[in-house]
Amino acid sequence: MKRARPTSRAAQRRAYLQDLASGWAPSDYRGGWPPRAAEAMEAIRRMDAGVYGLCASCSKKIPAARLEAKPEATLCVDCQSEREYRRAG
């Protein structure tokens, strides 16, 4: 039976994240959950806690375009860029 398509963007994001997280098991990936599945589960946890869409680093709102492109994002563009810069340097 085909699942009904969620109507709101938030419901669509949740459904996408649930599909992403449910497609894996810890045994599928050496060392535990694969990174994308773990990120999806964290995003669902953040939705349940009411903090989804807020940057985990600076608490600013994550732009809607970023969440559309990467629903599991936990950092705003500035904080993500800073993290990547520090890792590279």
PDB file of N, CA and C in Angstrom:
ATOM      1  N   MET A   1       0.836  -1.179   0.000  1.00  0.00           N
ATOM      2  CA  MET A   1       0.000   0.000   0.000  1.00  0.00           C
ATOM      3  C   MET A   1       0.882   1.244   0.000  1.00  0.00           C
ATOM      4  N   LYS A   2       0.545   2.181  -0.831  1.00  0.00           N
ATOM      5  CA  LYS A   2       1.333   3.405  -0.967  1.00  0.00           C
ATOM      6  C   LYS A   2       1.029   4.350   0.197  1.00  0.00           C
ATOM      7  N   ARG A   3       2.085   4.928   0.752  1.00  0.00           N
ATOM      8  CA  ARG A   3       1.932   5.867   1.855  1.00  0.00           C
ATOM      9  C   ARG A   3       1.454   7.206   1.333  1.00  0.00           C
ATOM     10  N   ALA A   4       0.537   7.833   2.055  1.00  0.00           N
ATOM     11  CA  ALA A   4       0.035   9.153   1.662  1.00  0.00           C
ATOM     12  C   ALA A   4       1.168  10.169   1.751  1.00  0.00           C
ATOM     13  N   ARG A   5       1.222  11.064   0.793  1.00  0.00           N
ATOM     14  CA  ARG A   5       2.270  12.091   0.775  1.00  0.00           C
ATOM     15  C   ARG A   5       1.946  13.176   1.796  1.00  0.00           C
ATOM     16  N   PRO A   6       2.903  13.514   2.668  1.00  0.00           N
ATOM     17  CA  PRO A   6       2.686  14.590   3.635  1.00  0.00           C
ATOM     18  C   PRO A   6       2.459  15.919   2.910  1.00  0.00           C
ATOM     19  N   THR A   7       1.647  16.767   3.498  1.00  0.00           N
ATOM     20  CA  THR A   7       1.297  18.014   2.823  1.00  0.00           C
ATOM     21  C   THR A   7       2.175  19.198   3.229  1.00  0.00           C
ATOM     22  N   SER A   8       2.544  19.327   4.471  1.00  0.00           N
ATOM     23  CA  SER A   8       3.358  20.476   4.873  1.00  0.00           C
ATOM     24  C   SER A   8       4.837  20.188   4.634  1.00  0.00           C
ATOM     25  N   ARG A   9       5.615  21.251   4.483  1.00  0.00           N
ATOM     26  CA  ARG A   9       7.065  21.079   4.288  1.00  0.00           C
ATOM     27  C   ARG A   9       7.690  20.362   5.480  1.00  0.00           C
ATOM     28  N   ALA A  10       7.250  20.719   6.678  1.00  0.00           N
ATOM     29  CA  ALA A  10       7.797  20.068   7.872  1.00  0.00           C
ATOM     30  C   ALA A  10       7.493  18.572   7.845  1.00  0.00           C
ATOM     31  N   ALA A  11       6.287  18.216   7.463  1.00  0.00           N
ATOM     32  CA  ALA A  11       5.915  16.802   7.388  1.00  0.00           C
ATOM     33  C   ALA A  11       6.693  16.100   6.284  1.00  0.00           C
ATOM     34  N   GLN A  12       6.928  16.785   5.177  1.00  0.00           N
ATOM     35  CA  GLN A  12       7.710  16.203   4.085  1.00  0.00           C
ATOM     36  C   GLN A  12       9.156  15.962   4.531  1.00  0.00           C
ATOM     37  N   ARG A  13       9.726  16.931   5.253  1.00  0.00           N
ATOM     38  CA  ARG A  13      11.098  16.774   5.744  1.00  0.00           C
ATOM     39  C   ARG A  13      11.179  15.602   6.720  1.00  0.00           C
ATOM     40  N   ARG A  14      10.202  15.534   7.648  1.00  0.00           N
ATOM     41  CA  ARG A  14      10.188  14.444   8.626  1.00  0.00           C
ATOM     42  C   ARG A  14      10.102  13.099   7.909  1.00  0.00           C
ATOM     43  N   ALA A  15       9.218  12.981   6.922  1.00  0.00           N
ATOM     44  CA  ALA A  15       9.060  11.727   6.182  1.00  0.00           C
ATOM     45  C   ALA A  15      10.362  11.356   5.470  1.00  0.00           C
ATOM     46  N   TYR A  16      11.014  12.342   4.855  1.00  0.00           N
ATOM     47  CA  TYR A  16      12.299  12.094   4.184  1.00  0.00           C
ATOM     48  C   TYR A  16      13.337  11.595   5.185  1.00  0.00           C
ATOM     49  N   LEU A  17      13.430  12.274   6.322  1.00  0.00           N
ATOM     50  CA  LEU A  17      14.414  11.898   7.335  1.00  0.00           C
ATOM     51  C   LEU A  17      14.126  10.517   7.901  1.00  0.00           C
ATOM     52  N   GLN A  18      12.857  10.204   8.122  1.00  0.00           N
ATOM     53  CA  GLN A  18      12.501   8.876   8.622  1.00  0.00           C
ATOM     54  C   GLN A  18      12.868   7.804   7.606  1.00  0.00           C
ATOM     55  N   ASP A  19      12.608   8.076   6.325  1.00  0.00           N
ATOM     56  CA  ASP A  19      12.992   7.125   5.281  1.00  0.00           C
ATOM     57  C   ASP A  19      14.505   6.939   5.247  1.00  0.00           C
ATOM     58  N   LEU A  20      15.238   8.036   5.370  1.00  0.00           N
ATOM     59  CA  LEU A  20      16.695   7.977   5.354  1.00  0.00           C
ATOM     60  C   LEU A  20      17.218   7.175   6.541  1.00  0.00           C
ATOM     61  N   ALA A  21      16.681   7.438   7.715  1.00  0.00           N
ATOM     62  CA  ALA A  21      17.139   6.750   8.924  1.00  0.00           C
ATOM     63  C   ALA A  21      16.728   5.283   8.940  1.00  0.00           C
ATOM     64  N   SER A  22      15.554   4.973   8.423  1.00  0.00           N
ATOM     65  CA  SER A  22      15.054   3.598   8.519  1.00  0.00           C
ATOM     66  C   SER A  22      15.671   2.664   7.484  1.00  0.00           C
ATOM     67  N   GLY A  23      16.364   3.206   6.519  1.00  0.00           N
ATOM     68  CA  GLY A  23      16.966   2.370   5.488  1.00  0.00           C
ATOM     69  C   GLY A  23      18.262   1.702   5.920  1.00  0.00           C
ATOM     70  N   TRP A  24      18.675   1.911   7.151  1.00  0.00           N
ATOM     71  CA  TRP A  24      19.961   1.408   7.619  1.00  0.00           C
ATOM     72  C   TRP A  24      19.794   0.656   8.931  1.00  0.00           C
ATOM     73  N   ALA A  25      20.754  -0.147   9.235  1.00  0.00           N
ATOM     74  CA  ALA A  25      20.875  -0.787  10.545  1.00  0.00           C
ATOM     75  C   ALA A  25      22.345  -0.685  10.939  1.00  0.00           C
ATOM     76  N   PRO A  26      22.645  -0.669  12.243  1.00  0.00           N
ATOM     77  CA  PRO A  26      24.043  -0.541  12.649  1.00  0.00           C
ATOM     78  C   PRO A  26      24.946  -1.599  12.024  1.00  0.00           C
ATOM     79  N   SER A  27      24.421  -2.771  11.767  1.00  0.00           N
ATOM     80  CA  SER A  27      25.241  -3.842  11.201  1.00  0.00           C
ATOM     81  C   SER A  27      25.577  -3.605   9.728  1.00  0.00           C
ATOM     82  N   ASP A  28      24.875  -2.651   9.077  1.00  0.00           N
ATOM     83  CA  ASP A  28      25.149  -2.349   7.674  1.00  0.00           C
ATOM     84  C   ASP A  28      26.430  -1.544   7.492  1.00  0.00           C
ATOM     85  N   TYR A  29      26.924  -0.983   8.548  1.00  0.00           N
ATOM     86  CA  TYR A  29      28.050  -0.063   8.453  1.00  0.00           C
ATOM     87  C   TYR A  29      29.006  -0.362   9.600  1.00  0.00           C
ATOM     88  N   ARG A  30      30.245  -0.623   9.289  1.00  0.00           N
ATOM     89  CA  ARG A  30      31.203  -0.958  10.335  1.00  0.00           C
ATOM     90  C   ARG A  30      31.340   0.208  11.312  1.00  0.00           C
ATOM     91  N   GLY A  31      31.208  -0.085  12.580  1.00  0.00           N
ATOM     92  CA  GLY A  31      31.391   0.942  13.599  1.00  0.00           C
ATOM     93  C   GLY A  31      30.107   1.615  14.031  1.00  0.00           C
ATOM     94  N   GLY A  32      28.965   1.140  13.611  1.00  0.00           N
ATOM     95  CA  GLY A  32      27.701   1.729  14.052  1.00  0.00           C
ATOM     96  C   GLY A  32      26.886   2.287  12.905  1.00  0.00           C
ATOM     97  N   TRP A  33      26.107   3.290  13.199  1.00  0.00           N
ATOM     98  CA  TRP A  33      25.219   3.891  12.203  1.00  0.00           C
ATOM     99  C   TRP A  33      26.021   4.661  11.165  1.00  0.00           C
ATOM    100  N   PRO A  34      25.637   4.576   9.888  1.00  0.00           N
ATOM    101  CA  PRO A  34      26.303   5.402   8.884  1.00  0.00           C
ATOM    102  C   PRO A  34      26.018   6.874   9.158  1.00  0.00           C
ATOM    103  N   PRO A  35      26.926   7.762   8.779  1.00  0.00           N
ATOM    104  CA  PRO A  35      26.760   9.191   9.096  1.00  0.00           C
ATOM    105  C   PRO A  35      25.423   9.786   8.662  1.00  0.00           C
ATOM    106  N   ARG A  36      24.948   9.518   7.447  1.00  0.00           N
ATOM    107  CA  ARG A  36      23.680  10.120   6.993  1.00  0.00           C
ATOM    108  C   ARG A  36      22.504   9.647   7.833  1.00  0.00           C
ATOM    109  N   ALA A  37      22.478   8.367   8.196  1.00  0.00           N
ATOM    110  CA  ALA A  37      21.389   7.843   9.025  1.00  0.00           C
ATOM    111  C   ALA A  37      21.442   8.469  10.412  1.00  0.00           C
ATOM    112  N   ALA A  38      22.648   8.601  10.970  1.00  0.00           N
ATOM    113  CA  ALA A  38      22.800   9.216  12.288  1.00  0.00           C
ATOM    114  C   ALA A  38      22.356  10.680  12.250  1.00  0.00           C
ATOM    115  N   GLU A  39      22.707  11.392  11.180  1.00  0.00           N
ATOM    116  CA  GLU A  39      22.296  12.794  11.032  1.00  0.00           C
ATOM    117  C   GLU A  39      20.775  12.889  10.924  1.00  0.00           C
ATOM    118  N   ALA A  40      20.169  11.968  10.196  1.00  0.00           N
ATOM    119  CA  ALA A  40      18.711  11.979  10.040  1.00  0.00           C
ATOM    120  C   ALA A  40      18.029  11.723  11.382  1.00  0.00           C
ATOM    121  N   MET A  41      18.548  10.772  12.148  1.00  0.00           N
ATOM    122  CA  MET A  41      17.965  10.487  13.464  1.00  0.00           C
ATOM    123  C   MET A  41      18.117  11.682  14.403  1.00  0.00           C
ATOM    124  N   GLU A  42      19.247  12.368  14.320  1.00  0.00           N
ATOM    125  CA  GLU A  42      19.458  13.569  15.135  1.00  0.00           C
ATOM    126  C   GLU A  42      18.475  14.666  14.730  1.00  0.00           C
ATOM    127  N   ALA A  43      18.237  14.828  13.434  1.00  0.00           N
ATOM    128  CA  ALA A  43      17.281  15.845  12.975  1.00  0.00           C
ATOM    129  C   ALA A  43      15.876  15.531  13.482  1.00  0.00           C
ATOM    130  N   ILE A  44      15.485  14.268  13.465  1.00  0.00           N
ATOM    131  CA  ILE A  44      14.175  13.880  13.990  1.00  0.00           C
ATOM    132  C   ILE A  44      14.101  14.172  15.480  1.00  0.00           C
ATOM    133  N   ARG A  45      15.183  13.866  16.206  1.00  0.00           N
ATOM    134  CA  ARG A  45      15.226  14.173  17.639  1.00  0.00           C
ATOM    135  C   ARG A  45      15.068  15.677  17.872  1.00  0.00           C
ATOM    136  N   ARG A  46      15.732  16.482  17.023  1.00  0.00           N
ATOM    137  CA  ARG A  46      15.632  17.940  17.148  1.00  0.00           C
ATOM    138  C   ARG A  46      14.213  18.421  16.837  1.00  0.00           C
ATOM    139  N   MET A  47      13.548  17.783  15.868  1.00  0.00           N
ATOM    140  CA  MET A  47      12.149  18.124  15.579  1.00  0.00           C
ATOM    141  C   MET A  47      11.287  17.865  16.810  1.00  0.00           C
ATOM    142  N   ASP A  48      11.471  16.686  17.402  1.00  0.00           N
ATOM    143  CA  ASP A  48      10.681  16.316  18.580  1.00  0.00           C
ATOM    144  C   ASP A  48      10.941  17.252  19.757  1.00  0.00           C
ATOM    145  N   ALA A  49      12.166  17.770  19.851  1.00  0.00           N
ATOM    146  CA  ALA A  49      12.535  18.682  20.940  1.00  0.00           C
ATOM    147  C   ALA A  49      12.130  20.125  20.657  1.00  0.00           C
ATOM    148  N   GLY A  50      11.672  20.398  19.425  1.00  0.00           N
ATOM    149  CA  GLY A  50      11.249  21.749  19.071  1.00  0.00           C
ATOM    150  C   GLY A  50      12.379  22.682  18.692  1.00  0.00           C
ATOM    151  N   VAL A  51      13.559  22.131  18.388  1.00  0.00           N
ATOM    152  CA  VAL A  51      14.692  22.988  18.027  1.00  0.00           C
ATOM    153  C   VAL A  51      15.172  22.739  16.599  1.00  0.00           C
ATOM    154  N   TYR A  52      14.407  21.978  15.823  1.00  0.00           N
ATOM    155  CA  TYR A  52      14.766  21.746  14.426  1.00  0.00           C
ATOM    156  C   TYR A  52      14.739  23.078  13.685  1.00  0.00           C
ATOM    157  N   GLY A  53      15.753  23.326  12.872  1.00  0.00           N
ATOM    158  CA  GLY A  53      15.822  24.567  12.111  1.00  0.00           C
ATOM    159  C   GLY A  53      16.612  25.656  12.811  1.00  0.00           C
ATOM    160  N   LEU A  54      17.074  25.375  14.029  1.00  0.00           N
ATOM    161  CA  LEU A  54      17.935  26.320  14.741  1.00  0.00           C
ATOM    162  C   LEU A  54      19.347  25.760  14.753  1.00  0.00           C
ATOM    163  N   CYS A  55      20.302  26.619  14.513  1.00  0.00           N
ATOM    164  CA  CYS A  55      21.705  26.205  14.482  1.00  0.00           C
ATOM    165  C   CYS A  55      22.123  25.673  15.851  1.00  0.00           C
ATOM    166  N   ALA A  56      22.738  24.500  15.857  1.00  0.00           N
ATOM    167  CA  ALA A  56      23.189  23.882  17.100  1.00  0.00           C
ATOM    168  C   ALA A  56      24.370  24.629  17.713  1.00  0.00           C
ATOM    169  N   SER A  57      25.024  25.495  16.940  1.00  0.00           N
ATOM    170  CA  SER A  57      26.181  26.228  17.437  1.00  0.00           C
ATOM    171  C   SER A  57      25.817  27.634  17.925  1.00  0.00           C
ATOM    172  N   CYS A  58      25.127  28.409  17.081  1.00  0.00           N
ATOM    173  CA  CYS A  58      24.852  29.810  17.425  1.00  0.00           C
ATOM    174  C   CYS A  58      23.382  30.093  17.741  1.00  0.00           C
ATOM    175  N   SER A  59      22.506  29.104  17.551  1.00  0.00           N
ATOM    176  CA  SER A  59      21.064  29.195  17.821  1.00  0.00           C
ATOM    177  C   SER A  59      20.297  30.099  16.865  1.00  0.00           C
ATOM    178  N   LYS A  60      20.960  30.572  15.792  1.00  0.00           N
ATOM    179  CA  LYS A  60      20.242  31.354  14.786  1.00  0.00           C
ATOM    180  C   LYS A  60      19.427  30.406  13.917  1.00  0.00           C
ATOM    181  N   LYS A  61      18.416  30.965  13.256  1.00  0.00           N
ATOM    182  CA  LYS A  61      17.568  30.158  12.388  1.00  0.00           C
ATOM    183  C   LYS A  61      18.351  29.719  11.142  1.00  0.00           C
ATOM    184  N   ILE A  62      18.249  28.438  10.807  1.00  0.00           N
ATOM    185  CA  ILE A  62      18.874  27.917   9.596  1.00  0.00           C
ATOM    186  C   ILE A  62      17.975  28.297   8.427  1.00  0.00           C
ATOM    187  N   PRO A  63      18.514  28.907   7.373  1.00  0.00           N
ATOM    188  CA  PRO A  63      17.685  29.323   6.244  1.00  0.00           C
ATOM    189  C   PRO A  63      16.898  28.152   5.634  1.00  0.00           C
ATOM    190  N   ALA A  64      15.666  28.443   5.215  1.00  0.00           N
ATOM    191  CA  ALA A  64      14.798  27.418   4.635  1.00  0.00           C
ATOM    192  C   ALA A  64      15.434  26.752   3.423  1.00  0.00           C
ATOM    193  N   ALA A  65      16.154  27.516   2.621  1.00  0.00           N
ATOM    194  CA  ALA A  65      16.796  26.948   1.431  1.00  0.00           C
ATOM    195  C   ALA A  65      17.824  25.891   1.827  1.00  0.00           C
ATOM    196  N   ARG A  66      18.538  26.117   2.918  1.00  0.00           N
ATOM    197  CA  ARG A  66      19.514  25.121   3.387  1.00  0.00           C
ATOM    198  C   ARG A  66      18.798  23.859   3.863  1.00  0.00           C
ATOM    199  N   LEU A  67      17.695  24.026   4.581  1.00  0.00           N
ATOM    200  CA  LEU A  67      16.948  22.865   5.060  1.00  0.00           C
ATOM    201  C   LEU A  67      16.291  22.114   3.905  1.00  0.00           C
ATOM    202  N   GLU A  68      15.922  22.836   2.853  1.00  0.00           N
ATOM    203  CA  GLU A  68      15.373  22.162   1.667  1.00  0.00           C
ATOM    204  C   GLU A  68      16.458  21.311   1.008  1.00  0.00           C
ATOM    205  N   ALA A  69      17.660  21.855   0.933  1.00  0.00           N
ATOM    206  CA  ALA A  69      18.771  21.150   0.287  1.00  0.00           C
ATOM    207  C   ALA A  69      19.318  20.025   1.156  1.00  0.00           C
ATOM    208  N   LYS A  70      19.351  20.245   2.454  1.00  0.00           N
ATOM    209  CA  LYS A  70      19.915  19.258   3.391  1.00  0.00           C
ATOM    210  C   LYS A  70      19.062  19.259   4.664  1.00  0.00           C
ATOM    211  N   PRO A  71      17.958  18.524   4.656  1.00  0.00           N
ATOM    212  CA  PRO A  71      17.043  18.531   5.804  1.00  0.00           C
ATOM    213  C   PRO A  71      17.685  18.110   7.121  1.00  0.00           C
ATOM    214  N   GLU A  72      18.769  17.355   7.066  1.00  0.00           N
ATOM    215  CA  GLU A  72      19.417  16.910   8.291  1.00  0.00           C
ATOM    216  C   GLU A  72      20.439  17.912   8.835  1.00  0.00           C
ATOM    217  N   ALA A  73      20.541  19.094   8.221  1.00  0.00           N
ATOM    218  CA  ALA A  73      21.501  20.115   8.657  1.00  0.00           C
ATOM    219  C   ALA A  73      21.209  20.554  10.092  1.00  0.00           C
ATOM    220  N   THR A  74      22.272  20.673  10.882  1.00  0.00           N
ATOM    221  CA  THR A  74      22.129  21.165  12.257  1.00  0.00           C
ATOM    222  C   THR A  74      22.859  22.487  12.459  1.00  0.00           C
ATOM    223  N   LEU A  75      23.605  22.922  11.427  1.00  0.00           N
ATOM    224  CA  LEU A  75      24.348  24.171  11.518  1.00  0.00           C
ATOM    225  C   LEU A  75      23.916  25.124  10.413  1.00  0.00           C
ATOM    226  N   CYS A  76      23.924  26.423  10.715  1.00  0.00           N
ATOM    227  CA  CYS A  76      23.660  27.420   9.688  1.00  0.00           C
ATOM    228  C   CYS A  76      24.859  27.457   8.736  1.00  0.00           C
ATOM    229  N   VAL A  77      24.726  28.163   7.647  1.00  0.00           N
ATOM    230  CA  VAL A  77      25.792  28.211   6.644  1.00  0.00           C
ATOM    231  C   VAL A  77      27.081  28.781   7.239  1.00  0.00           C
ATOM    232  N   ASP A  78      26.984  29.847   8.013  1.00  0.00           N
ATOM    233  CA  ASP A  78      28.182  30.462   8.595  1.00  0.00           C
ATOM    234  C   ASP A  78      28.917  29.498   9.533  1.00  0.00           C
ATOM    235  N   CYS A  79      28.172  28.837  10.411  1.00  0.00           N
ATOM    236  CA  CYS A  79      28.808  27.919  11.357  1.00  0.00           C
ATOM    237  C   CYS A  79      29.361  26.687  10.644  1.00  0.00           C
ATOM    238  N   GLN A  80      28.664  26.199   9.623  1.00  0.00           N
ATOM    239  CA  GLN A  80      29.167  25.067   8.856  1.00  0.00           C
ATOM    240  C   GLN A  80      30.450  25.444   8.122  1.00  0.00           C
ATOM    241  N   SER A  81      30.477  26.642   7.534  1.00  0.00           N
ATOM    242  CA  SER A  81      31.679  27.107   6.851  1.00  0.00           C
ATOM    243  C   SER A  81      32.855  27.231   7.818  1.00  0.00           C
ATOM    244  N   GLU A  82      32.591  27.766   9.001  1.00  0.00           N
ATOM    245  CA  GLU A  82      33.642  27.904  10.005  1.00  0.00           C
ATOM    246  C   GLU A  82      34.165  26.533  10.411  1.00  0.00           C
ATOM    247  N   ARG A  83      33.274  25.563  10.612  1.00  0.00           N
ATOM    248  CA  ARG A  83      33.690  24.207  10.982  1.00  0.00           C
ATOM    249  C   ARG A  83      34.582  23.589   9.890  1.00  0.00           C
ATOM    250  N   GLU A  84      34.174  23.745   8.642  1.00  0.00           N
ATOM    251  CA  GLU A  84      34.954  23.194   7.544  1.00  0.00           C
ATOM    252  C   GLU A  84      36.301  23.876   7.415  1.00  0.00           C
ATOM    253  N   TYR A  85      36.351  25.191   7.648  1.00  0.00           N
ATOM    254  CA  TYR A  85      37.606  25.928   7.600  1.00  0.00           C
ATOM    255  C   TYR A  85      38.576  25.424   8.668  1.00  0.00           C
ATOM    256  N   ARG A  86      38.059  25.211   9.891  1.00  0.00           N
ATOM    257  CA  ARG A  86      38.906  24.721  10.982  1.00  0.00           C
ATOM    258  C   ARG A  86      39.419  23.315  10.692  1.00  0.00           C
ATOM    259  N   ARG A  87      38.574  22.469  10.108  1.00  0.00           N
ATOM    260  CA  ARG A  87      39.000  21.097   9.777  1.00  0.00           C
ATOM    261  C   ARG A  87      40.084  21.089   8.715  1.00  0.00           C
ATOM    262  N   ALA A  88      39.996  22.019   7.772  1.00  0.00           N
ATOM    263  CA  ALA A  88      40.958  22.073   6.663  1.00  0.00           C
ATOM    264  C   ALA A  88      42.299  22.650   7.122  1.00  0.00           C
ATOM    265  N   GLY A  89      42.253  23.496   8.119  1.00  0.00           N
ATOM    266  CA  GLY A  89      43.460  24.216   8.512  1.00  0.00           C
ATOM    267  C   GLY A  89      44.193  23.573   9.578  1.00  0.00           C
TER     268      GLY A  89
END
